[in-house]
Amino acid sequence: AQPNGDVLSASATIWLPLPPDNVFNFFRDERTRPQWDV
């Protein structure tokens, strides 16, 4: 149920001086997606 091959998994954790609800609403909104999704 996954693409067959070698998968590179990478992550980074950062801290933002904003409440978690505000950050979540920013990421889930499709209208703001072009601002952060490279």
Full PDB file with SEQRES, HELIX, SHEET, SSBOND, CRYST1, ORIGX, SCALE, CONECT and MASTER records, all heavy atoms in Angstrom:
SEQRES   1 A   38  ALA GLN PRO ASN GLY ASP VAL LEU SER ALA SER ALA THR          
SEQRES   2 A   38  ILE TRP LEU PRO LEU PRO PRO ASP ASN VAL PHE ASN PHE          
SEQRES   3 A   38  PHE ARG ASP GLU ARG THR ARG PRO GLN TRP ASP VAL              
HELIX    1 AA1 PRO A   20  ARG A   28  1                                   9    
HELIX    2 AA2 ARG A   33  TRP A   36  1                                   4    
CRYST1    1.000    1.000    1.000  90.00  90.00  90.00 P 1           1          
ORIGX1      1.000000  0.000000  0.000000        0.00000                         
ORIGX2      0.000000  1.000000  0.000000        0.00000                         
ORIGX3      0.000000  0.000000  1.000000        0.00000                         
SCALE1      1.000000  0.000000  0.000000        0.00000                         
SCALE2      0.000000  1.000000  0.000000        0.00000                         
SCALE3      0.000000  0.000000  1.000000        0.00000                         
ATOM      1  N   ALA A   1       0.822  -1.211   0.000  1.00  0.00           N  
ATOM      2  CA  ALA A   1       0.000   0.000   0.000  1.00  0.00           C  
ATOM      3  C   ALA A   1       0.857   1.262   0.000  1.00  0.00           C  
ATOM      4  O   ALA A   1       0.339   2.360   0.211  1.00  0.00           O  
ATOM      5  CB  ALA A   1      -0.923   0.010   1.209  1.00  0.00           C  
ATOM      6  N   GLN A   2       2.167   1.125  -0.241  1.00  0.00           N  
ATOM      7  CA  GLN A   2       3.074   2.260  -0.389  1.00  0.00           C  
ATOM      8  C   GLN A   2       3.809   2.127  -1.718  1.00  0.00           C  
ATOM      9  O   GLN A   2       3.923   1.022  -2.263  1.00  0.00           O  
ATOM     10  CB  GLN A   2       4.104   2.293   0.746  1.00  0.00           C  
ATOM     11  CG  GLN A   2       3.592   2.834   2.064  1.00  0.00           C  
ATOM     12  CD  GLN A   2       4.726   2.966   3.061  1.00  0.00           C  
ATOM     13  OE1 GLN A   2       5.306   1.982   3.520  1.00  0.00           O  
ATOM     14  NE2 GLN A   2       5.064   4.193   3.404  1.00  0.00           N  
ATOM     15  N   PRO A   3       4.315   3.243  -2.246  1.00  0.00           N  
ATOM     16  CA  PRO A   3       5.141   3.141  -3.452  1.00  0.00           C  
ATOM     17  C   PRO A   3       6.337   2.231  -3.199  1.00  0.00           C  
ATOM     18  O   PRO A   3       6.965   2.293  -2.142  1.00  0.00           O  
ATOM     19  CB  PRO A   3       5.579   4.590  -3.698  1.00  0.00           C  
ATOM     20  CG  PRO A   3       4.538   5.422  -3.035  1.00  0.00           C  
ATOM     21  CD  PRO A   3       4.098   4.634  -1.834  1.00  0.00           C  
ATOM     22  N   ASN A   4       6.650   1.382  -4.133  1.00  0.00           N  
ATOM     23  CA  ASN A   4       7.719   0.408  -3.979  1.00  0.00           C  
ATOM     24  C   ASN A   4       9.065   1.063  -4.250  1.00  0.00           C  
ATOM     25  O   ASN A   4       9.276   1.659  -5.302  1.00  0.00           O  
ATOM     26  CB  ASN A   4       7.492  -0.768  -4.937  1.00  0.00           C  
ATOM     27  CG  ASN A   4       8.480  -1.889  -4.685  1.00  0.00           C  
ATOM     28  OD1 ASN A   4       9.015  -2.004  -3.592  1.00  0.00           O  
ATOM     29  ND2 ASN A   4       8.721  -2.712  -5.696  1.00  0.00           N  
ATOM     30  N   GLY A   5       9.981   0.971  -3.287  1.00  0.00           N  
ATOM     31  CA  GLY A   5      11.302   1.544  -3.468  1.00  0.00           C  
ATOM     32  C   GLY A   5      11.868   2.059  -2.167  1.00  0.00           C  
ATOM     33  O   GLY A   5      11.387   1.733  -1.083  1.00  0.00           O  
ATOM     34  N   ASP A   6      12.909   2.872  -2.276  1.00  0.00           N  
ATOM     35  CA  ASP A   6      13.555   3.456  -1.115  1.00  0.00           C  
ATOM     36  C   ASP A   6      12.926   4.805  -0.803  1.00  0.00           C  
ATOM     37  O   ASP A   6      12.799   5.670  -1.679  1.00  0.00           O  
ATOM     38  CB  ASP A   6      15.053   3.619  -1.367  1.00  0.00           C  
ATOM     39  CG  ASP A   6      15.753   2.279  -1.492  1.00  0.00           C  
ATOM     40  OD1 ASP A   6      15.916   1.609  -0.462  1.00  0.00           O  
ATOM     41  OD2 ASP A   6      16.107   1.897  -2.626  1.00  0.00           O  
ATOM     42  N   VAL A   7      12.541   4.971   0.450  1.00  0.00           N  
ATOM     43  CA  VAL A   7      11.847   6.180   0.884  1.00  0.00           C  
ATOM     44  C   VAL A   7      12.748   6.952   1.839  1.00  0.00           C  
ATOM     45  O   VAL A   7      13.285   6.381   2.795  1.00  0.00           O  
ATOM     46  CB  VAL A   7      10.514   5.842   1.581  1.00  0.00           C  
ATOM     47  CG1 VAL A   7       9.845   7.100   2.118  1.00  0.00           C  
ATOM     48  CG2 VAL A   7       9.585   5.118   0.605  1.00  0.00           C  
ATOM     49  N   LEU A   8      12.907   8.228   1.571  1.00  0.00           N  
ATOM     50  CA  LEU A   8      13.653   9.125   2.438  1.00  0.00           C  
ATOM     51  C   LEU A   8      12.653   9.873   3.311  1.00  0.00           C  
ATOM     52  O   LEU A   8      11.813  10.617   2.818  1.00  0.00           O  
ATOM     53  CB  LEU A   8      14.482  10.111   1.615  1.00  0.00           C  
ATOM     54  CG  LEU A   8      15.256  11.182   2.392  1.00  0.00           C  
ATOM     55  CD1 LEU A   8      16.233  10.533   3.354  1.00  0.00           C  
ATOM     56  CD2 LEU A   8      15.983  12.116   1.436  1.00  0.00           C  
ATOM     57  N   SER A   9      12.727   9.632   4.622  1.00  0.00           N  
ATOM     58  CA  SER A   9      11.853  10.305   5.580  1.00  0.00           C  
ATOM     59  C   SER A   9      12.687  11.310   6.357  1.00  0.00           C  
ATOM     60  O   SER A   9      13.741  10.966   6.898  1.00  0.00           O  
ATOM     61  CB  SER A   9      11.220   9.284   6.534  1.00  0.00           C  
ATOM     62  OG  SER A   9      10.420   9.917   7.500  1.00  0.00           O  
ATOM     63  N   ALA A  10      12.230  12.550   6.403  1.00  0.00           N  
ATOM     64  CA  ALA A  10      12.985  13.603   7.081  1.00  0.00           C  
ATOM     65  C   ALA A  10      12.026  14.516   7.817  1.00  0.00           C  
ATOM     66  O   ALA A  10      10.878  14.707   7.403  1.00  0.00           O  
ATOM     67  CB  ALA A  10      13.809  14.411   6.077  1.00  0.00           C  
ATOM     68  N   SER A  11      12.490  15.069   8.937  1.00  0.00           N  
ATOM     69  CA  SER A  11      11.641  15.951   9.733  1.00  0.00           C  
ATOM     70  C   SER A  11      12.487  16.974  10.458  1.00  0.00           C  
ATOM     71  O   SER A  11      13.688  16.780  10.678  1.00  0.00           O  
ATOM     72  CB  SER A  11      10.811  15.148  10.744  1.00  0.00           C  
ATOM     73  OG  SER A  11      11.642  14.621  11.751  1.00  0.00           O  
ATOM     74  N   ALA A  12      11.838  18.053  10.843  1.00  0.00           N  
ATOM     75  CA  ALA A  12      12.464  19.094  11.651  1.00  0.00           C  
ATOM     76  C   ALA A  12      11.384  19.704  12.536  1.00  0.00           C  
ATOM     77  O   ALA A  12      10.248  19.886  12.094  1.00  0.00           O  
ATOM     78  CB  ALA A  12      13.116  20.158  10.776  1.00  0.00           C  
ATOM     79  N   THR A  13      11.741  20.005  13.775  1.00  0.00           N  
ATOM     80  CA  THR A  13      10.804  20.619  14.719  1.00  0.00           C  
ATOM     81  C   THR A  13      11.244  22.051  15.007  1.00  0.00           C  
ATOM     82  O   THR A  13      12.429  22.294  15.298  1.00  0.00           O  
ATOM     83  CB  THR A  13      10.745  19.817  16.029  1.00  0.00           C  
ATOM     84  OG1 THR A  13      10.303  18.490  15.754  1.00  0.00           O  
ATOM     85  CG2 THR A  13       9.780  20.463  17.016  1.00  0.00           C  
ATOM     86  N   ILE A  14      10.304  22.976  14.927  1.00  0.00           N  
ATOM     87  CA  ILE A  14      10.584  24.384  15.196  1.00  0.00           C  
ATOM     88  C   ILE A  14       9.604  24.898  16.239  1.00  0.00           C  
ATOM     89  O   ILE A  14       8.560  24.273  16.487  1.00  0.00           O  
ATOM     90  CB  ILE A  14      10.484  25.244  13.918  1.00  0.00           C  
ATOM     91  CG1 ILE A  14       9.055  25.167  13.339  1.00  0.00           C  
ATOM     92  CG2 ILE A  14      11.519  24.809  12.895  1.00  0.00           C  
ATOM     93  CD1 ILE A  14       8.812  26.098  12.166  1.00  0.00           C  
ATOM     94  N   TRP A  15       9.924  26.027  16.841  1.00  0.00           N  
ATOM     95  CA  TRP A  15       9.032  26.675  17.805  1.00  0.00           C  
ATOM     96  C   TRP A  15       8.526  27.976  17.206  1.00  0.00           C  
ATOM     97  O   TRP A  15       9.295  28.752  16.618  1.00  0.00           O  
ATOM     98  CB  TRP A  15       9.761  26.951  19.115  1.00  0.00           C  
ATOM     99  CG  TRP A  15       8.926  27.702  20.111  1.00  0.00           C  
ATOM    100  CD1 TRP A  15       7.950  27.206  20.906  1.00  0.00           C  
ATOM    101  CD2 TRP A  15       8.997  29.103  20.397  1.00  0.00           C  
ATOM    102  NE1 TRP A  15       7.394  28.199  21.682  1.00  0.00           N  
ATOM    103  CE2 TRP A  15       8.022  29.383  21.384  1.00  0.00           C  
ATOM    104  CE3 TRP A  15       9.787  30.152  19.909  1.00  0.00           C  
ATOM    105  CZ2 TRP A  15       7.828  30.663  21.901  1.00  0.00           C  
ATOM    106  CZ3 TRP A  15       9.587  31.431  20.417  1.00  0.00           C  
ATOM    107  CH2 TRP A  15       8.607  31.671  21.405  1.00  0.00           C  
ATOM    108  N   LEU A  16       7.226  28.224  17.326  1.00  0.00           N  
ATOM    109  CA  LEU A  16       6.604  29.452  16.841  1.00  0.00           C  
ATOM    110  C   LEU A  16       5.911  30.155  18.006  1.00  0.00           C  
ATOM    111  O   LEU A  16       5.222  29.500  18.800  1.00  0.00           O  
ATOM    112  CB  LEU A  16       5.574  29.153  15.749  1.00  0.00           C  
ATOM    113  CG  LEU A  16       6.098  28.530  14.455  1.00  0.00           C  
ATOM    114  CD1 LEU A  16       4.944  28.187  13.520  1.00  0.00           C  
ATOM    115  CD2 LEU A  16       7.078  29.465  13.759  1.00  0.00           C  
ATOM    116  N   PRO A  17       6.048  31.468  18.127  1.00  0.00           N  
ATOM    117  CA  PRO A  17       5.432  32.212  19.236  1.00  0.00           C  
ATOM    118  C   PRO A  17       3.960  32.506  18.994  1.00  0.00           C  
ATOM    119  O   PRO A  17       3.506  33.647  19.148  1.00  0.00           O  
ATOM    120  CB  PRO A  17       6.267  33.489  19.293  1.00  0.00           C  
ATOM    121  CG  PRO A  17       6.660  33.723  17.876  1.00  0.00           C  
ATOM    122  CD  PRO A  17       6.876  32.351  17.266  1.00  0.00           C  
ATOM    123  N   LEU A  18       3.206  31.473  18.597  1.00  0.00           N  
ATOM    124  CA  LEU A  18       1.781  31.626  18.307  1.00  0.00           C  
ATOM    125  C   LEU A  18       1.008  30.497  18.966  1.00  0.00           C  
ATOM    126  O   LEU A  18       1.533  29.384  19.114  1.00  0.00           O  
ATOM    127  CB  LEU A  18       1.535  31.601  16.788  1.00  0.00           C  
ATOM    128  CG  LEU A  18       2.118  32.747  15.961  1.00  0.00           C  
ATOM    129  CD1 LEU A  18       1.944  32.462  14.482  1.00  0.00           C  
ATOM    130  CD2 LEU A  18       1.442  34.072  16.316  1.00  0.00           C  
ATOM    131  N   PRO A  19      -0.251  30.721  19.346  1.00  0.00           N  
ATOM    132  CA  PRO A  19      -1.059  29.637  19.912  1.00  0.00           C  
ATOM    133  C   PRO A  19      -1.255  28.514  18.899  1.00  0.00           C  
ATOM    134  O   PRO A  19      -1.357  28.763  17.687  1.00  0.00           O  
ATOM    135  CB  PRO A  19      -2.395  30.323  20.250  1.00  0.00           C  
ATOM    136  CG  PRO A  19      -2.083  31.774  20.332  1.00  0.00           C  
ATOM    137  CD  PRO A  19      -0.965  32.011  19.359  1.00  0.00           C  
ATOM    138  N   PRO A  20      -1.316  27.267  19.365  1.00  0.00           N  
ATOM    139  CA  PRO A  20      -1.458  26.133  18.440  1.00  0.00           C  
ATOM    140  C   PRO A  20      -2.697  26.218  17.553  1.00  0.00           C  
ATOM    141  O   PRO A  20      -2.641  25.825  16.381  1.00  0.00           O  
ATOM    142  CB  PRO A  20      -1.526  24.921  19.373  1.00  0.00           C  
ATOM    143  CG  PRO A  20      -0.826  25.361  20.612  1.00  0.00           C  
ATOM    144  CD  PRO A  20      -1.122  26.820  20.758  1.00  0.00           C  
ATOM    145  N   ASP A  21      -3.817  26.741  18.055  1.00  0.00           N  
ATOM    146  CA  ASP A  21      -5.028  26.841  17.244  1.00  0.00           C  
ATOM    147  C   ASP A  21      -4.814  27.752  16.040  1.00  0.00           C  
ATOM    148  O   ASP A  21      -5.278  27.457  14.933  1.00  0.00           O  
ATOM    149  CB  ASP A  21      -6.192  27.357  18.085  1.00  0.00           C  
ATOM    150  CG  ASP A  21      -6.698  26.315  19.079  1.00  0.00           C  
ATOM    151  OD1 ASP A  21      -6.159  25.190  19.064  1.00  0.00           O  
ATOM    152  OD2 ASP A  21      -7.611  26.625  19.854  1.00  0.00           O  
ATOM    153  N   ASN A  22      -4.119  28.874  16.241  1.00  0.00           N  
ATOM    154  CA  ASN A  22      -3.863  29.797  15.131  1.00  0.00           C  
ATOM    155  C   ASN A  22      -2.986  29.147  14.068  1.00  0.00           C  
ATOM    156  O   ASN A  22      -3.209  29.316  12.863  1.00  0.00           O  
ATOM    157  CB  ASN A  22      -3.196  31.074  15.648  1.00  0.00           C  
ATOM    158  CG  ASN A  22      -4.109  31.883  16.544  1.00  0.00           C  
ATOM    159  OD1 ASN A  22      -5.231  31.467  16.824  1.00  0.00           O  
ATOM    160  ND2 ASN A  22      -3.650  33.035  17.017  1.00  0.00           N  
ATOM    161  N   VAL A  23      -1.969  28.406  14.531  1.00  0.00           N  
ATOM    162  CA  VAL A  23      -1.066  27.739  13.583  1.00  0.00           C  
ATOM    163  C   VAL A  23      -1.825  26.672  12.802  1.00  0.00           C  
ATOM    164  O   VAL A  23      -1.666  26.539  11.582  1.00  0.00           O  
ATOM    165  CB  VAL A  23       0.133  27.125  14.338  1.00  0.00           C  
ATOM    166  CG1 VAL A  23       1.044  26.379  13.372  1.00  0.00           C  
ATOM    167  CG2 VAL A  23       0.907  28.212  15.068  1.00  0.00           C  
ATOM    168  N   PHE A  24      -2.670  25.900  13.478  1.00  0.00           N  
ATOM    169  CA  PHE A  24      -3.454  24.860  12.806  1.00  0.00           C  
ATOM    170  C   PHE A  24      -4.384  25.461  11.753  1.00  0.00           C  
ATOM    171  O   PHE A  24      -4.461  24.953  10.624  1.00  0.00           O  
ATOM    172  CB  PHE A  24      -4.254  24.083  13.847  1.00  0.00           C  
ATOM    173  CG  PHE A  24      -5.259  23.132  13.270  1.00  0.00           C  
ATOM    174  CD1 PHE A  24      -4.867  21.972  12.631  1.00  0.00           C  
ATOM    175  CD2 PHE A  24      -6.622  23.397  13.360  1.00  0.00           C  
ATOM    176  CE1 PHE A  24      -5.792  21.084  12.097  1.00  0.00           C  
ATOM    177  CE2 PHE A  24      -7.559  22.523  12.836  1.00  0.00           C  
ATOM    178  CZ  PHE A  24      -7.148  21.367  12.209  1.00  0.00           C  
ATOM    179  N   ASN A  25      -5.097  26.514  12.088  1.00  0.00           N  
ATOM    180  CA  ASN A  25      -6.013  27.143  11.126  1.00  0.00           C  
ATOM    181  C   ASN A  25      -5.271  27.660   9.903  1.00  0.00           C  
ATOM    182  O   ASN A  25      -5.803  27.627   8.784  1.00  0.00           O  
ATOM    183  CB  ASN A  25      -6.778  28.284  11.803  1.00  0.00           C  
ATOM    184  CG  ASN A  25      -7.784  27.780  12.824  1.00  0.00           C  
ATOM    185  OD1 ASN A  25      -8.310  26.679  12.694  1.00  0.00           O  
ATOM    186  ND2 ASN A  25      -8.037  28.568  13.858  1.00  0.00           N  
ATOM    187  N   PHE A  26      -4.051  28.114  10.090  1.00  0.00           N  
ATOM    188  CA  PHE A  26      -3.260  28.593   8.955  1.00  0.00           C  
ATOM    189  C   PHE A  26      -2.910  27.447   8.012  1.00  0.00           C  
ATOM    190  O   PHE A  26      -3.037  27.572   6.787  1.00  0.00           O  
ATOM    191  CB  PHE A  26      -1.992  29.274   9.468  1.00  0.00           C  
ATOM    192  CG  PHE A  26      -0.991  29.604   8.400  1.00  0.00           C  
ATOM    193  CD1 PHE A  26      -1.194  30.678   7.537  1.00  0.00           C  
ATOM    194  CD2 PHE A  26       0.151  28.834   8.238  1.00  0.00           C  
ATOM    195  CE1 PHE A  26      -0.272  30.968   6.545  1.00  0.00           C  
ATOM    196  CE2 PHE A  26       1.073  29.118   7.254  1.00  0.00           C  
ATOM    197  CZ  PHE A  26       0.860  30.188   6.406  1.00  0.00           C  
ATOM    198  N   PHE A  27      -2.494  26.324   8.553  1.00  0.00           N  
ATOM    199  CA  PHE A  27      -2.040  25.222   7.703  1.00  0.00           C  
ATOM    200  C   PHE A  27      -3.202  24.477   7.036  1.00  0.00           C  
ATOM    201  O   PHE A  27      -3.047  23.979   5.919  1.00  0.00           O  
ATOM    202  CB  PHE A  27      -1.204  24.229   8.517  1.00  0.00           C  
ATOM    203  CG  PHE A  27       0.180  24.715   8.832  1.00  0.00           C  
ATOM    204  CD1 PHE A  27       0.638  24.760  10.146  1.00  0.00           C  
ATOM    205  CD2 PHE A  27       1.032  25.128   7.827  1.00  0.00           C  
ATOM    206  CE1 PHE A  27       1.907  25.210  10.440  1.00  0.00           C  
ATOM    207  CE2 PHE A  27       2.309  25.579   8.114  1.00  0.00           C  
ATOM    208  CZ  PHE A  27       2.748  25.628   9.431  1.00  0.00           C  
ATOM    209  N   ARG A  28      -4.338  24.377   7.687  1.00  0.00           N  
ATOM    210  CA  ARG A  28      -5.425  23.578   7.123  1.00  0.00           C  
ATOM    211  C   ARG A  28      -6.214  24.314   6.056  1.00  0.00           C  
ATOM    212  O   ARG A  28      -6.950  23.697   5.294  1.00  0.00           O  
ATOM    213  CB  ARG A  28      -6.380  23.135   8.232  1.00  0.00           C  
ATOM    214  CG  ARG A  28      -7.298  24.227   8.769  1.00  0.00           C  
ATOM    215  CD  ARG A  28      -8.265  23.691   9.794  1.00  0.00           C  
ATOM    216  NE  ARG A  28      -9.147  24.712  10.348  1.00  0.00           N  
ATOM    217  CZ  ARG A  28     -10.291  25.102   9.795  1.00  0.00           C  
ATOM    218  NH1 ARG A  28     -10.699  24.534   8.654  1.00  0.00           N  
ATOM    219  NH2 ARG A  28     -11.037  26.034  10.347  1.00  0.00           N  
ATOM    220  N   ASP A  29      -6.083  25.628   5.972  1.00  0.00           N  
ATOM    221  CA  ASP A  29      -6.844  26.444   5.025  1.00  0.00           C  
ATOM    222  C   ASP A  29      -6.207  26.356   3.640  1.00  0.00           C  
ATOM    223  O   ASP A  29      -5.038  26.721   3.461  1.00  0.00           O  
ATOM    224  CB  ASP A  29      -6.884  27.893   5.507  1.00  0.00           C  
ATOM    225  CG  ASP A  29      -7.908  28.731   4.749  1.00  0.00           C  
ATOM    226  OD1 ASP A  29      -8.305  28.321   3.635  1.00  0.00           O  
ATOM    227  OD2 ASP A  29      -8.295  29.795   5.258  1.00  0.00           O  
ATOM    228  N   GLU A  30      -6.984  25.878   2.666  1.00  0.00           N  
ATOM    229  CA  GLU A  30      -6.428  25.737   1.311  1.00  0.00           C  
ATOM    230  C   GLU A  30      -6.073  27.083   0.696  1.00  0.00           C  
ATOM    231  O   GLU A  30      -5.225  27.164  -0.209  1.00  0.00           O  
ATOM    232  CB  GLU A  30      -7.412  24.979   0.413  1.00  0.00           C  
ATOM    233  CG  GLU A  30      -8.645  25.756  -0.027  1.00  0.00           C  
ATOM    234  CD  GLU A  30      -9.751  25.731   0.999  1.00  0.00           C  
ATOM    235  OE1 GLU A  30      -9.525  25.171   2.106  1.00  0.00           O  
ATOM    236  OE2 GLU A  30     -10.837  26.258   0.717  1.00  0.00           O  
ATOM    237  N   ARG A  31      -6.672  28.164   1.181  1.00  0.00           N  
ATOM    238  CA  ARG A  31      -6.384  29.490   0.619  1.00  0.00           C  
ATOM    239  C   ARG A  31      -4.986  29.983   0.997  1.00  0.00           C  
ATOM    240  O   ARG A  31      -4.394  30.783   0.262  1.00  0.00           O  
ATOM    241  CB  ARG A  31      -7.445  30.494   1.086  1.00  0.00           C  
ATOM    242  CG  ARG A  31      -8.840  30.210   0.546  1.00  0.00           C  
ATOM    243  CD  ARG A  31      -9.887  31.064   1.227  1.00  0.00           C  
ATOM    244  NE  ARG A  31      -9.965  30.753   2.671  1.00  0.00           N  
ATOM    245  CZ  ARG A  31     -10.813  31.331   3.507  1.00  0.00           C  
ATOM    246  NH1 ARG A  31     -11.659  32.261   3.053  1.00  0.00           N  
ATOM    247  NH2 ARG A  31     -10.823  30.992   4.783  1.00  0.00           N  
ATOM    248  N   THR A  32      -4.465  29.530   2.132  1.00  0.00           N  
ATOM    249  CA  THR A  32      -3.125  29.952   2.546  1.00  0.00           C  
ATOM    250  C   THR A  32      -2.052  28.922   2.202  1.00  0.00           C  
ATOM    251  O   THR A  32      -0.870  29.152   2.472  1.00  0.00           O  
ATOM    252  CB  THR A  32      -3.102  30.199   4.067  1.00  0.00           C  
ATOM    253  OG1 THR A  32      -3.485  28.996   4.752  1.00  0.00           O  
ATOM    254  CG2 THR A  32      -4.059  31.318   4.449  1.00  0.00           C  
ATOM    255  N   ARG A  33      -2.455  27.820   1.596  1.00  0.00           N  
ATOM    256  CA  ARG A  33      -1.480  26.770   1.296  1.00  0.00           C  
ATOM    257  C   ARG A  33      -0.341  27.247   0.393  1.00  0.00           C  
ATOM    258  O   ARG A  33       0.825  26.900   0.646  1.00  0.00           O  
ATOM    259  CB  ARG A  33      -2.186  25.567   0.675  1.00  0.00           C  
ATOM    260  CG  ARG A  33      -1.277  24.358   0.530  1.00  0.00           C  
ATOM    261  CD  ARG A  33      -1.951  23.197  -0.175  1.00  0.00           C  
ATOM    262  NE  ARG A  33      -1.159  21.996  -0.040  1.00  0.00           N  
ATOM    263  CZ  ARG A  33      -1.300  21.086   0.910  1.00  0.00           C  
ATOM    264  NH1 ARG A  33      -2.244  21.243   1.820  1.00  0.00           N  
ATOM    265  NH2 ARG A  33      -0.511  20.035   0.976  1.00  0.00           N  
ATOM    266  N   PRO A  34      -0.588  28.020  -0.654  1.00  0.00           N  
ATOM    267  CA  PRO A  34       0.528  28.459  -1.509  1.00  0.00           C  
ATOM    268  C   PRO A  34       1.590  29.264  -0.760  1.00  0.00           C  
ATOM    269  O   PRO A  34       2.717  29.385  -1.243  1.00  0.00           O  
ATOM    270  CB  PRO A  34      -0.165  29.325  -2.577  1.00  0.00           C  
ATOM    271  CG  PRO A  34      -1.574  28.833  -2.605  1.00  0.00           C  
ATOM    272  CD  PRO A  34      -1.888  28.458  -1.198  1.00  0.00           C  
ATOM    273  N   GLN A  35       1.254  29.788   0.420  1.00  0.00           N  
ATOM    274  CA  GLN A  35       2.212  30.607   1.146  1.00  0.00           C  
ATOM    275  C   GLN A  35       3.303  29.779   1.820  1.00  0.00           C  
ATOM    276  O   GLN A  35       4.393  30.294   2.090  1.00  0.00           O  
ATOM    277  CB  GLN A  35       1.483  31.445   2.202  1.00  0.00           C  
ATOM    278  CG  GLN A  35       0.437  32.400   1.647  1.00  0.00           C  
ATOM    279  CD  GLN A  35      -0.283  33.160   2.744  1.00  0.00           C  
ATOM    280  OE1 GLN A  35       0.269  33.401   3.817  1.00  0.00           O  
ATOM    281  NE2 GLN A  35      -1.537  33.547   2.486  1.00  0.00           N  
ATOM    282  N   TRP A  36       3.024  28.487   2.122  1.00  0.00           N  
ATOM    283  CA  TRP A  36       4.017  27.685   2.834  1.00  0.00           C  
ATOM    284  C   TRP A  36       4.399  26.398   2.123  1.00  0.00           C  
ATOM    285  O   TRP A  36       5.485  25.846   2.388  1.00  0.00           O  
ATOM    286  CB  TRP A  36       3.498  27.320   4.234  1.00  0.00           C  
ATOM    287  CG  TRP A  36       2.209  26.536   4.250  1.00  0.00           C  
ATOM    288  CD1 TRP A  36       0.952  27.032   4.322  1.00  0.00           C  
ATOM    289  CD2 TRP A  36       2.067  25.103   4.173  1.00  0.00           C  
ATOM    290  NE1 TRP A  36       0.020  26.022   4.295  1.00  0.00           N  
ATOM    291  CE2 TRP A  36       0.679  24.820   4.219  1.00  0.00           C  
ATOM    292  CE3 TRP A  36       2.967  24.048   4.082  1.00  0.00           C  
ATOM    293  CZ2 TRP A  36       0.189  23.527   4.151  1.00  0.00           C  
ATOM    294  CZ3 TRP A  36       2.469  22.748   4.027  1.00  0.00           C  
ATOM    295  CH2 TRP A  36       1.101  22.501   4.067  1.00  0.00           C  
ATOM    296  N   ASP A  37       3.573  25.901   1.217  1.00  0.00           N  
ATOM    297  CA  ASP A  37       3.851  24.637   0.535  1.00  0.00           C  
ATOM    298  C   ASP A  37       4.751  24.907  -0.664  1.00  0.00           C  
ATOM    299  O   ASP A  37       4.298  25.378  -1.709  1.00  0.00           O  
ATOM    300  CB  ASP A  37       2.542  23.982   0.087  1.00  0.00           C  
ATOM    301  CG  ASP A  37       2.761  22.588  -0.489  1.00  0.00           C  
ATOM    302  OD1 ASP A  37       3.925  22.145  -0.544  1.00  0.00           O  
ATOM    303  OD2 ASP A  37       1.773  21.950  -0.885  1.00  0.00           O  
ATOM    304  N   VAL A  38       6.050  24.611  -0.513  1.00  0.00           N  
ATOM    305  CA  VAL A  38       7.006  24.912  -1.587  1.00  0.00           C  
ATOM    306  C   VAL A  38       6.736  24.067  -2.817  1.00  0.00           C  
ATOM    307  O   VAL A  38       7.102  24.454  -3.938  1.00  0.00           O  
ATOM    308  CB  VAL A  38       8.448  24.689  -1.089  1.00  0.00           C  
ATOM    309  CG1 VAL A  38       8.789  25.658   0.013  1.00  0.00           C  
ATOM    310  CG2 VAL A  38       8.651  23.251  -0.622  1.00  0.00           C  
TER     311      VAL A  38                                                      
MASTER        0    0    0    2    0    0    0    6  310    1    0    3          
END                                                                             
